[in-house]
Every structure is written in structure tokens, then in C-alpha cells.
PDB file of N, CA and C in Angstrom:
ATOM      1  N   MET A   1      -6.820  37.524   7.789  1.00  0.00           N
ATOM      2  CA  MET A   1      -6.660  36.160   8.235  1.00  0.00           C
ATOM      3  C   MET A   1      -7.914  35.352   7.942  1.00  0.00           C
ATOM      4  N   ALA A   2      -9.081  35.882   8.249  1.00  0.00           N
ATOM      5  CA  ALA A   2     -10.327  35.150   8.045  1.00  0.00           C
ATOM      6  C   ALA A   2     -10.588  34.893   6.567  1.00  0.00           C
ATOM      7  N   GLN A   3      -9.980  35.665   5.667  1.00  0.00           N
ATOM      8  CA  GLN A   3     -10.197  35.487   4.244  1.00  0.00           C
ATOM      9  C   GLN A   3      -9.590  34.184   3.736  1.00  0.00           C
ATOM     10  N   GLU A   4      -8.733  33.545   4.512  1.00  0.00           N
ATOM     11  CA  GLU A   4      -8.114  32.301   4.101  1.00  0.00           C
ATOM     12  C   GLU A   4      -9.104  31.140   4.140  1.00  0.00           C
ATOM     13  N   PHE A   5     -10.257  31.329   4.774  1.00  0.00           N
ATOM     14  CA  PHE A   5     -11.268  30.291   4.870  1.00  0.00           C
ATOM     15  C   PHE A   5     -12.341  30.528   3.821  1.00  0.00           C
ATOM     16  N   LEU A   6     -12.995  29.465   3.416  1.00  0.00           N
ATOM     17  CA  LEU A   6     -14.057  29.563   2.420  1.00  0.00           C
ATOM     18  C   LEU A   6     -15.358  29.993   3.065  1.00  0.00           C
ATOM     19  N   PRO A   7     -16.151  30.815   2.372  1.00  0.00           N
ATOM     20  CA  PRO A   7     -17.470  31.156   2.904  1.00  0.00           C
ATOM     21  C   PRO A   7     -18.398  29.957   2.787  1.00  0.00           C
ATOM     22  N   ASP A   8     -19.471  30.020   3.504  1.00  0.00           N
ATOM     23  CA  ASP A   8     -20.499  28.985   3.427  1.00  0.00           C
ATOM     24  C   ASP A   8     -21.217  29.158   2.101  1.00  0.00           C
ATOM     25  N   SER A   9     -21.052  28.216   1.189  1.00  0.00           N
ATOM     26  CA  SER A   9     -21.590  28.364  -0.168  1.00  0.00           C
ATOM     27  C   SER A   9     -23.079  28.076  -0.264  1.00  0.00           C
ATOM     28  N   THR A  10     -23.722  27.788   0.850  1.00  0.00           N
ATOM     29  CA  THR A  10     -25.161  27.544   0.805  1.00  0.00           C
ATOM     30  C   THR A  10     -25.942  28.836   0.714  1.00  0.00           C
ATOM     31  N   GLY A  11     -25.246  29.976   0.861  1.00  0.00           N
ATOM     32  CA  GLY A  11     -25.932  31.253   0.857  1.00  0.00           C
ATOM     33  C   GLY A  11     -26.484  31.605   2.212  1.00  0.00           C
ATOM     34  N   SER A  12     -26.217  30.772   3.185  1.00  0.00           N
ATOM     35  CA  SER A  12     -26.708  31.006   4.536  1.00  0.00           C
ATOM     36  C   SER A  12     -26.018  32.211   5.148  1.00  0.00           C
ATOM     37  N   ALA A  13     -26.776  32.978   5.917  1.00  0.00           N
ATOM     38  CA  ALA A  13     -26.181  34.106   6.628  1.00  0.00           C
ATOM     39  C   ALA A  13     -25.309  33.612   7.765  1.00  0.00           C
ATOM     40  N   CYS A  14     -25.471  32.373   8.144  1.00  0.00           N
ATOM     41  CA  CYS A  14     -24.694  31.782   9.235  1.00  0.00           C
ATOM     42  C   CYS A  14     -23.637  30.853   8.651  1.00  0.00           C
ATOM     43  N   PRO A  15     -22.357  31.280   8.645  1.00  0.00           N
ATOM     44  CA  PRO A  15     -21.328  30.456   8.025  1.00  0.00           C
ATOM     45  C   PRO A  15     -21.008  29.188   8.795  1.00  0.00           C
ATOM     46  N   ASN A  16     -21.669  28.928   9.916  1.00  0.00           N
ATOM     47  CA  ASN A  16     -21.407  27.716  10.675  1.00  0.00           C
ATOM     48  C   ASN A  16     -22.214  26.531  10.173  1.00  0.00           C
ATOM     49  N   SER A  17     -23.112  26.738   9.201  1.00  0.00           N
ATOM     50  CA  SER A  17     -23.900  25.619   8.702  1.00  0.00           C
ATOM     51  C   SER A  17     -23.013  24.700   7.869  1.00  0.00           C
ATOM     52  N   ASP A  18     -23.327  23.415   7.864  1.00  0.00           N
ATOM     53  CA  ASP A  18     -22.524  22.426   7.159  1.00  0.00           C
ATOM     54  C   ASP A  18     -23.183  22.106   5.828  1.00  0.00           C
ATOM     55  N   ALA A  19     -22.543  22.500   4.750  1.00  0.00           N
ATOM     56  CA  ALA A  19     -23.096  22.263   3.428  1.00  0.00           C
ATOM     57  C   ALA A  19     -22.789  20.860   2.930  1.00  0.00           C
ATOM     58  N   GLY A  20     -21.843  20.162   3.563  1.00  0.00           N
ATOM     59  CA  GLY A  20     -21.516  18.800   3.195  1.00  0.00           C
ATOM     60  C   GLY A  20     -20.860  18.668   1.835  1.00  0.00           C
ATOM     61  N   GLU A  21     -20.107  19.647   1.407  1.00  0.00           N
ATOM     62  CA  GLU A  21     -19.449  19.595   0.110  1.00  0.00           C
ATOM     63  C   GLU A  21     -18.158  18.800   0.213  1.00  0.00           C
ATOM     64  N   ASP A  22     -17.864  17.982  -0.817  1.00  0.00           N
ATOM     65  CA  ASP A  22     -16.685  17.125  -0.797  1.00  0.00           C
ATOM     66  C   ASP A  22     -15.379  17.884  -0.957  1.00  0.00           C
ATOM     67  N   ASP A  23     -15.395  19.062  -1.567  1.00  0.00           N
ATOM     68  CA  ASP A  23     -14.142  19.788  -1.791  1.00  0.00           C
ATOM     69  C   ASP A  23     -13.760  20.662  -0.602  1.00  0.00           C
ATOM     70  N   ARG A  24     -14.536  20.587   0.482  1.00  0.00           N
ATOM     71  CA  ARG A  24     -14.238  21.385   1.667  1.00  0.00           C
ATOM     72  C   ARG A  24     -13.935  20.487   2.854  1.00  0.00           C
ATOM     73  N   GLU A  25     -13.079  20.986   3.715  1.00  0.00           N
ATOM     74  CA  GLU A  25     -12.749  20.298   4.958  1.00  0.00           C
ATOM     75  C   GLU A  25     -13.183  21.185   6.113  1.00  0.00           C
ATOM     76  N   THR A  26     -13.793  20.587   7.110  1.00  0.00           N
ATOM     77  CA  THR A  26     -14.217  21.328   8.292  1.00  0.00           C
ATOM     78  C   THR A  26     -13.019  21.582   9.188  1.00  0.00           C
ATOM     79  N   VAL A  27     -12.886  22.822   9.652  1.00  0.00           N
ATOM     80  CA  VAL A  27     -11.861  23.205  10.621  1.00  0.00           C
ATOM     81  C   VAL A  27     -12.600  23.776  11.823  1.00  0.00           C
ATOM     82  N   GLN A  28     -12.350  23.217  13.004  1.00  0.00           N
ATOM     83  CA  GLN A  28     -13.016  23.703  14.212  1.00  0.00           C
ATOM     84  C   GLN A  28     -11.985  24.285  15.170  1.00  0.00           C
ATOM     85  N   ILE A  29     -12.265  25.482  15.646  1.00  0.00           N
ATOM     86  CA  ILE A  29     -11.411  26.171  16.608  1.00  0.00           C
ATOM     87  C   ILE A  29     -12.162  26.199  17.928  1.00  0.00           C
ATOM     88  N   LEU A  30     -11.507  25.749  18.998  1.00  0.00           N
ATOM     89  CA  LEU A  30     -12.144  25.680  20.317  1.00  0.00           C
ATOM     90  C   LEU A  30     -11.513  26.673  21.275  1.00  0.00           C
ATOM     91  N   ILE A  31     -12.358  27.244  22.117  1.00  0.00           N
ATOM     92  CA  ILE A  31     -11.902  28.037  23.258  1.00  0.00           C
ATOM     93  C   ILE A  31     -12.431  27.323  24.493  1.00  0.00           C
ATOM     94  N   ILE A  32     -11.532  26.959  25.388  1.00  0.00           N
ATOM     95  CA  ILE A  32     -11.918  26.299  26.635  1.00  0.00           C
ATOM     96  C   ILE A  32     -11.361  27.122  27.779  1.00  0.00           C
ATOM     97  N   SER A  33     -12.256  27.605  28.628  1.00  0.00           N
ATOM     98  CA  SER A  33     -11.860  28.457  29.747  1.00  0.00           C
ATOM     99  C   SER A  33     -13.072  28.630  30.657  1.00  0.00           C
ATOM    100  N   SER A  34     -12.944  29.539  31.612  1.00  0.00           N
ATOM    101  CA  SER A  34     -14.122  29.921  32.390  1.00  0.00           C
ATOM    102  C   SER A  34     -15.095  30.620  31.448  1.00  0.00           C
ATOM    103  N   ARG A  35     -16.331  30.795  31.852  1.00  0.00           N
ATOM    104  CA  ARG A  35     -17.318  31.482  31.008  1.00  0.00           C
ATOM    105  C   ARG A  35     -16.806  32.862  30.613  1.00  0.00           C
ATOM    106  N   ASP A  36     -16.296  33.607  31.592  1.00  0.00           N
ATOM    107  CA  ASP A  36     -15.775  34.945  31.299  1.00  0.00           C
ATOM    108  C   ASP A  36     -14.576  34.884  30.356  1.00  0.00           C
ATOM    109  N   GLY A  37     -13.716  33.879  30.539  1.00  0.00           N
ATOM    110  CA  GLY A  37     -12.549  33.731  29.667  1.00  0.00           C
ATOM    111  C   GLY A  37     -12.940  33.435  28.236  1.00  0.00           C
ATOM    112  N   VAL A  38     -13.953  32.596  28.057  1.00  0.00           N
ATOM    113  CA  VAL A  38     -14.438  32.272  26.715  1.00  0.00           C
ATOM    114  C   VAL A  38     -15.000  33.523  26.047  1.00  0.00           C
ATOM    115  N   ILE A  39     -15.857  34.231  26.747  1.00  0.00           N
ATOM    116  CA  ILE A  39     -16.493  35.429  26.180  1.00  0.00           C
ATOM    117  C   ILE A  39     -15.455  36.505  25.871  1.00  0.00           C
ATOM    118  N   GLU A  40     -14.516  36.713  26.781  1.00  0.00           N
ATOM    119  CA  GLU A  40     -13.471  37.720  26.554  1.00  0.00           C
ATOM    120  C   GLU A  40     -12.620  37.360  25.338  1.00  0.00           C
ATOM    121  N   THR A  41     -12.252  36.096  25.204  1.00  0.00           N
ATOM    122  CA  THR A  41     -11.429  35.669  24.075  1.00  0.00           C
ATOM    123  C   THR A  41     -12.181  35.826  22.755  1.00  0.00           C
ATOM    124  N   ILE A  42     -13.456  35.480  22.733  1.00  0.00           N
ATOM    125  CA  ILE A  42     -14.264  35.664  21.523  1.00  0.00           C
ATOM    126  C   ILE A  42     -14.274  37.134  21.111  1.00  0.00           C
ATOM    127  N   HIS A  43     -14.446  38.035  22.068  1.00  0.00           N
ATOM    128  CA  HIS A  43     -14.461  39.463  21.754  1.00  0.00           C
ATOM    129  C   HIS A  43     -13.080  39.973  21.342  1.00  0.00           C
ATOM    130  N   ASN A  44     -12.024  39.440  21.948  1.00  0.00           N
ATOM    131  CA  ASN A  44     -10.669  39.818  21.531  1.00  0.00           C
ATOM    132  C   ASN A  44     -10.392  39.367  20.098  1.00  0.00           C
ATOM    133  N   LEU A  45     -10.825  38.169  19.749  1.00  0.00           N
ATOM    134  CA  LEU A  45     -10.641  37.683  18.380  1.00  0.00           C
ATOM    135  C   LEU A  45     -11.486  38.479  17.390  1.00  0.00           C
ATOM    136  N   TYR A  46     -12.664  38.911  17.809  1.00  0.00           N
ATOM    137  CA  TYR A  46     -13.488  39.781  16.963  1.00  0.00           C
ATOM    138  C   TYR A  46     -12.762  41.104  16.702  1.00  0.00           C
ATOM    139  N   ALA A  47     -12.150  41.670  17.746  1.00  0.00           N
ATOM    140  CA  ALA A  47     -11.424  42.938  17.599  1.00  0.00           C
ATOM    141  C   ALA A  47     -10.249  42.799  16.629  1.00  0.00           C
ATOM    142  N   LYS A  48      -9.714  41.589  16.502  1.00  0.00           N
ATOM    143  CA  LYS A  48      -8.615  41.323  15.563  1.00  0.00           C
ATOM    144  C   LYS A  48      -9.137  40.859  14.201  1.00  0.00           C
ATOM    145  N   GLU A  49     -10.460  40.958  14.008  1.00  0.00           N
ATOM    146  CA  GLU A  49     -11.131  40.585  12.763  1.00  0.00           C
ATOM    147  C   GLU A  49     -10.955  39.109  12.413  1.00  0.00           C
ATOM    148  N   PHE A  50     -10.866  38.253  13.428  1.00  0.00           N
ATOM    149  CA  PHE A  50     -10.735  36.813  13.202  1.00  0.00           C
ATOM    150  C   PHE A  50     -12.089  36.183  12.899  1.00  0.00           C
ATOM    151  N   ALA A  51     -13.113  36.571  13.664  1.00  0.00           N
ATOM    152  CA  ALA A  51     -14.454  36.009  13.468  1.00  0.00           C
ATOM    153  C   ALA A  51     -15.483  36.911  14.125  1.00  0.00           C
ATOM    154  N   GLN A  52     -16.688  36.903  13.588  1.00  0.00           N
ATOM    155  CA  GLN A  52     -17.789  37.628  14.197  1.00  0.00           C
ATOM    156  C   GLN A  52     -18.178  36.929  15.500  1.00  0.00           C
ATOM    157  N   VAL A  53     -18.659  37.689  16.448  1.00  0.00           N
ATOM    158  CA  VAL A  53     -19.043  37.128  17.744  1.00  0.00           C
ATOM    159  C   VAL A  53     -20.119  36.055  17.579  1.00  0.00           C
ATOM    160  N   ASP A  54     -21.088  36.292  16.698  1.00  0.00           N
ATOM    161  CA  ASP A  54     -22.193  35.337  16.550  1.00  0.00           C
ATOM    162  C   ASP A  54     -21.838  34.092  15.731  1.00  0.00           C
ATOM    163  N   GLU A  55     -20.611  34.004  15.242  1.00  0.00           N
ATOM    164  CA  GLU A  55     -20.175  32.797  14.537  1.00  0.00           C
ATOM    165  C   GLU A  55     -19.778  31.683  15.509  1.00  0.00           C
ATOM    166  N   TRP A  56     -19.500  32.036  16.748  1.00  0.00           N
ATOM    167  CA  TRP A  56     -19.114  31.058  17.768  1.00  0.00           C
ATOM    168  C   TRP A  56     -20.358  30.400  18.351  1.00  0.00           C
ATOM    169  N   SER A  57     -20.226  29.150  18.733  1.00  0.00           N
ATOM    170  CA  SER A  57     -21.330  28.481  19.423  1.00  0.00           C
ATOM    171  C   SER A  57     -21.501  29.110  20.800  1.00  0.00           C
ATOM    172  N   PRO A  58     -22.697  29.029  21.371  1.00  0.00           N
ATOM    173  CA  PRO A  58     -22.864  29.499  22.748  1.00  0.00           C
ATOM    174  C   PRO A  58     -21.960  28.679  23.676  1.00  0.00           C
ATOM    175  N   PRO A  59     -21.384  29.300  24.702  1.00  0.00           N
ATOM    176  CA  PRO A  59     -20.547  28.539  25.639  1.00  0.00           C
ATOM    177  C   PRO A  59     -21.337  27.383  26.259  1.00  0.00           C
ATOM    178  N   GLN A  60     -20.711  26.219  26.275  1.00  0.00           N
ATOM    179  CA  GLN A  60     -21.318  25.011  26.831  1.00  0.00           C
ATOM    180  C   GLN A  60     -20.435  24.480  27.954  1.00  0.00           C
ATOM    181  N   PRO A  61     -21.031  23.896  28.980  1.00  0.00           N
ATOM    182  CA  PRO A  61     -20.211  23.342  30.066  1.00  0.00           C
ATOM    183  C   PRO A  61     -19.399  22.138  29.586  1.00  0.00           C
ATOM    184  N   THR A  62     -18.235  21.959  30.196  1.00  0.00           N
ATOM    185  CA  THR A  62     -17.406  20.781  29.932  1.00  0.00           C
ATOM    186  C   THR A  62     -17.514  19.844  31.131  1.00  0.00           C
ATOM    187  N   ARG A  63     -16.764  18.779  31.110  1.00  0.00           N
ATOM    188  CA  ARG A  63     -16.766  17.852  32.248  1.00  0.00           C
ATOM    189  C   ARG A  63     -16.014  18.420  33.444  1.00  0.00           C
ATOM    190  N   LYS A  64     -15.164  19.425  33.194  1.00  0.00           N
ATOM    191  CA  LYS A  64     -14.423  20.040  34.291  1.00  0.00           C
ATOM    192  C   LYS A  64     -15.255  21.165  34.891  1.00  0.00           C
ATOM    193  N   PRO A  65     -15.461  21.150  36.183  1.00  0.00           N
ATOM    194  CA  PRO A  65     -16.244  22.213  36.827  1.00  0.00           C
ATOM    195  C   PRO A  65     -15.637  23.594  36.563  1.00  0.00           C
ATOM    196  N   GLY A  66     -16.499  24.535  36.214  1.00  0.00           N
ATOM    197  CA  GLY A  66     -16.056  25.905  35.977  1.00  0.00           C
ATOM    198  C   GLY A  66     -15.492  26.161  34.595  1.00  0.00           C
ATOM    199  N   LYS A  67     -15.389  25.126  33.759  1.00  0.00           N
ATOM    200  CA  LYS A  67     -14.848  25.290  32.409  1.00  0.00           C
ATOM    201  C   LYS A  67     -15.977  25.215  31.388  1.00  0.00           C
ATOM    202  N   MET A  68     -15.893  26.101  30.394  1.00  0.00           N
ATOM    203  CA  MET A  68     -16.865  26.151  29.307  1.00  0.00           C
ATOM    204  C   MET A  68     -16.099  26.003  27.991  1.00  0.00           C
ATOM    205  N   VAL A  69     -16.817  25.638  26.937  1.00  0.00           N
ATOM    206  CA  VAL A  69     -16.219  25.523  25.617  1.00  0.00           C
ATOM    207  C   VAL A  69     -17.119  26.219  24.599  1.00  0.00           C
ATOM    208  N   SER A  70     -16.490  26.884  23.632  1.00  0.00           N
ATOM    209  CA  SER A  70     -17.197  27.468  22.500  1.00  0.00           C
ATOM    210  C   SER A  70     -16.433  27.062  21.247  1.00  0.00           C
ATOM    211  N   ILE A  71     -17.167  26.776  20.177  1.00  0.00           N
ATOM    212  CA  ILE A  71     -16.563  26.258  18.952  1.00  0.00           C
ATOM    213  C   ILE A  71     -16.884  27.177  17.781  1.00  0.00           C
ATOM    214  N   LEU A  72     -15.860  27.438  16.974  1.00  0.00           N
ATOM    215  CA  LEU A  72     -16.020  28.159  15.711  1.00  0.00           C
ATOM    216  C   LEU A  72     -15.738  27.157  14.602  1.00  0.00           C
ATOM    217  N   THR A  73     -16.657  27.023  13.662  1.00  0.00           N
ATOM    218  CA  THR A  73     -16.463  26.112  12.540  1.00  0.00           C
ATOM    219  C   THR A  73     -16.213  26.922  11.284  1.00  0.00           C
ATOM    220  N   ARG A  74     -15.133  26.587  10.618  1.00  0.00           N
ATOM    221  CA  ARG A  74     -14.778  27.202   9.338  1.00  0.00           C
ATOM    222  C   ARG A  74     -14.532  26.080   8.345  1.00  0.00           C
ATOM    223  N   TYR A  75     -14.352  26.438   7.094  1.00  0.00           N
ATOM    224  CA  TYR A  75     -14.110  25.462   6.048  1.00  0.00           C
ATOM    225  C   TYR A  75     -12.896  25.891   5.242  1.00  0.00           C
ATOM    226  N   ARG A  76     -12.116  24.916   4.828  1.00  0.00           N
ATOM    227  CA  ARG A  76     -10.981  25.179   3.949  1.00  0.00           C
ATOM    228  C   ARG A  76     -11.102  24.279   2.731  1.00  0.00           C
ATOM    229  N   LYS A  77     -10.565  24.758   1.632  1.00  0.00           N
ATOM    230  CA  LYS A  77     -10.562  23.952   0.420  1.00  0.00           C
ATOM    231  C   LYS A  77      -9.563  22.817   0.599  1.00  0.00           C
ATOM    232  N   ARG A  78      -9.975  21.615   0.260  1.00  0.00           N
ATOM    233  CA  ARG A  78      -9.063  20.475   0.368  1.00  0.00           C
ATOM    234  C   ARG A  78      -7.907  20.651  -0.609  1.00  0.00           C
ATOM    235  N   GLY A  79      -6.745  20.211  -0.199  1.00  0.00           N
ATOM    236  CA  GLY A  79      -5.572  20.295  -1.049  1.00  0.00           C
ATOM    237  C   GLY A  79      -4.363  20.696  -0.231  1.00  0.00           C
ATOM    238  N   PRO A  80      -3.273  21.002  -0.917  1.00  0.00           N
ATOM    239  CA  PRO A  80      -2.047  21.349  -0.198  1.00  0.00           C
ATOM    240  C   PRO A  80      -2.218  22.637   0.600  1.00  0.00           C
ATOM    241  N   ILE A  81      -1.480  22.726   1.690  1.00  0.00           N
ATOM    242  CA  ILE A  81      -1.575  23.918   2.524  1.00  0.00           C
ATOM    243  C   ILE A  81      -0.805  25.062   1.895  1.00  0.00           C
ATOM    244  N   ASN A  82      -1.234  26.264   2.205  1.00  0.00           N
ATOM    245  CA  ASN A  82      -0.595  27.468   1.696  1.00  0.00           C
ATOM    246  C   ASN A  82      -0.099  28.257   2.899  1.00  0.00           C
ATOM    247  N   LEU A  83       1.188  28.140   3.189  1.00  0.00           N
ATOM    248  CA  LEU A  83       1.756  28.845   4.335  1.00  0.00           C
ATOM    249  C   LEU A  83       2.400  30.138   3.867  1.00  0.00           C
ATOM    250  N   ARG A  84       2.004  31.210   4.506  1.00  0.00           N
ATOM    251  CA  ARG A  84       2.610  32.514   4.234  1.00  0.00           C
ATOM    252  C   ARG A  84       3.293  32.969   5.502  1.00  0.00           C
ATOM    253  N   MET A  85       4.541  33.304   5.403  1.00  0.00           N
ATOM    254  CA  MET A  85       5.289  33.761   6.573  1.00  0.00           C
ATOM    255  C   MET A  85       4.926  35.214   6.852  1.00  0.00           C
ATOM    256  N   ARG A  86       4.575  35.480   8.095  1.00  0.00           N
ATOM    257  CA  ARG A  86       4.247  36.840   8.520  1.00  0.00           C
ATOM    258  C   ARG A  86       5.105  37.188   9.713  1.00  0.00           C
ATOM    259  N   LYS A  87       5.446  38.444   9.805  1.00  0.00           N
ATOM    260  CA  LYS A  87       6.168  38.897  10.985  1.00  0.00           C
ATOM    261  C   LYS A  87       5.190  39.028  12.128  1.00  0.00           C
ATOM    262  N   SER A  88       5.620  38.587  13.275  1.00  0.00           N
ATOM    263  CA  SER A  88       4.785  38.699  14.465  1.00  0.00           C
ATOM    264  C   SER A  88       4.713  40.153  14.898  1.00  0.00           C
ATOM    265  N   GLY A  89       3.549  40.550  15.368  1.00  0.00           N
ATOM    266  CA  GLY A  89       3.369  41.918  15.850  1.00  0.00           C
ATOM    267  C   GLY A  89       3.817  42.093  17.284  1.00  0.00           C
ATOM    268  N   ARG A  90       4.442  41.073  17.837  1.00  0.00           N
ATOM    269  CA  ARG A  90       4.868  41.142  19.242  1.00  0.00           C
ATOM    270  C   ARG A  90       6.277  41.594  19.376  1.00  0.00           C
TER     271      ARG A  90
END
């Protein structure tokens, strides 16, 4: 699944850096929950090989008490979408 996104072409070890290239579009994935919920979800997504734990931003407080947010930034090549139908594992 993660292979569908473009790597950071700046050569940076941190794929969250913004290279500002015109042929790429920024895609941001947010997790909003309690601190424990955010951390647990990040680790669950890591176990499914969606993203490395250190690719997510540190949890930050939101305006709602007890809620935190963490953001994962990825990049996609601009152009038509490529949808592949997959069977759900559920």
C-alpha cells in the first residue's frame, strides 16, 4: 500500500520533508483521538506496513480537551487516479 506514494526525492531520510516539486501533490493523513489512541493507531498502521512510526508528527493537542492529532505527509504524482480493486480482509 505504501508503495503507491512517491518517495521524498530530496534524498532526505525523512520522507515528511517538502521538496516543493510541481509534479507532486501533498497528501496528509490525520489521526485524531486521545494520546493513547493516536499512539496505538500509529503502531497498528506500522504493523500493517502503512508507515514507519517516525514518519508521523508528534501528537499535538487540539482545541478539544483530551484530543490529540498526528499527521502523516505523503506525496502522490499529479494526474489521474489509479484505483485497484482489492478484496477486503474482513
